[in-house]
Amino acid sequence: MRGLADLNALPPRDFEELLLRCCAAPGWARQVTAGRPYASLADLLAAADAAWAARDPGDLDAAMAGHPRIGERRLSGWSAQEQAGVQAGVQAGVGADAGVVTALADGNAAYEQRFGHVFLICATGHGPAEILAELNRRMSHDPATEREVSAAEIGKINEIRLRKLATP
């Protein structure tokens, strides 16, 4: 994509807006922006992890609200790339994949009813059946545990997205 030097050279507002496209958490984006310039990708990732661990109240809700449902038909940008395995099943719409995709949609609805936010998982490299199994497993969590699991998944997603941004 851009490369770390290009990211460091962006005006702060542009860098922050780019981060907000990675993760819709304003406090996190401000903290990561304030830490520039970064000498290495490792430094950027460490700062992003630290900012996520010390996130502002409301950042988790903002980040969750910025993510589409797993398996949604209309995805763009980051989510389209990350959910490629799920999207293959959605587009196929036949056989076992169709049943899993339907179960995933039903599971998403039940999850949202139970927890009040979209099901979040770092979907990169995982197909619909794996994601459905994880959704079903996580339905047994209490709400506080599930918020922490969701926060950890967002941290994984942030790392993948930042690696792509900072690697030319």
Foldseek 3Di string as FASTA:
>chain_A
DQALVRLLPDDLVVNLVLLCLLFVQNQLSVQLSVPDDDPDLVRSLVSSVVCLVVDDVPRLVRRQVSDDAQLDQDDDDPVCQQNVQANVLSVVCDDPSVVLSVLSVVLQVVLCVQQVTGDAARRHPHHSVVVSVVSVVCVPDHNVVSSVVRSVRSSVSSSVVSVVVNDD
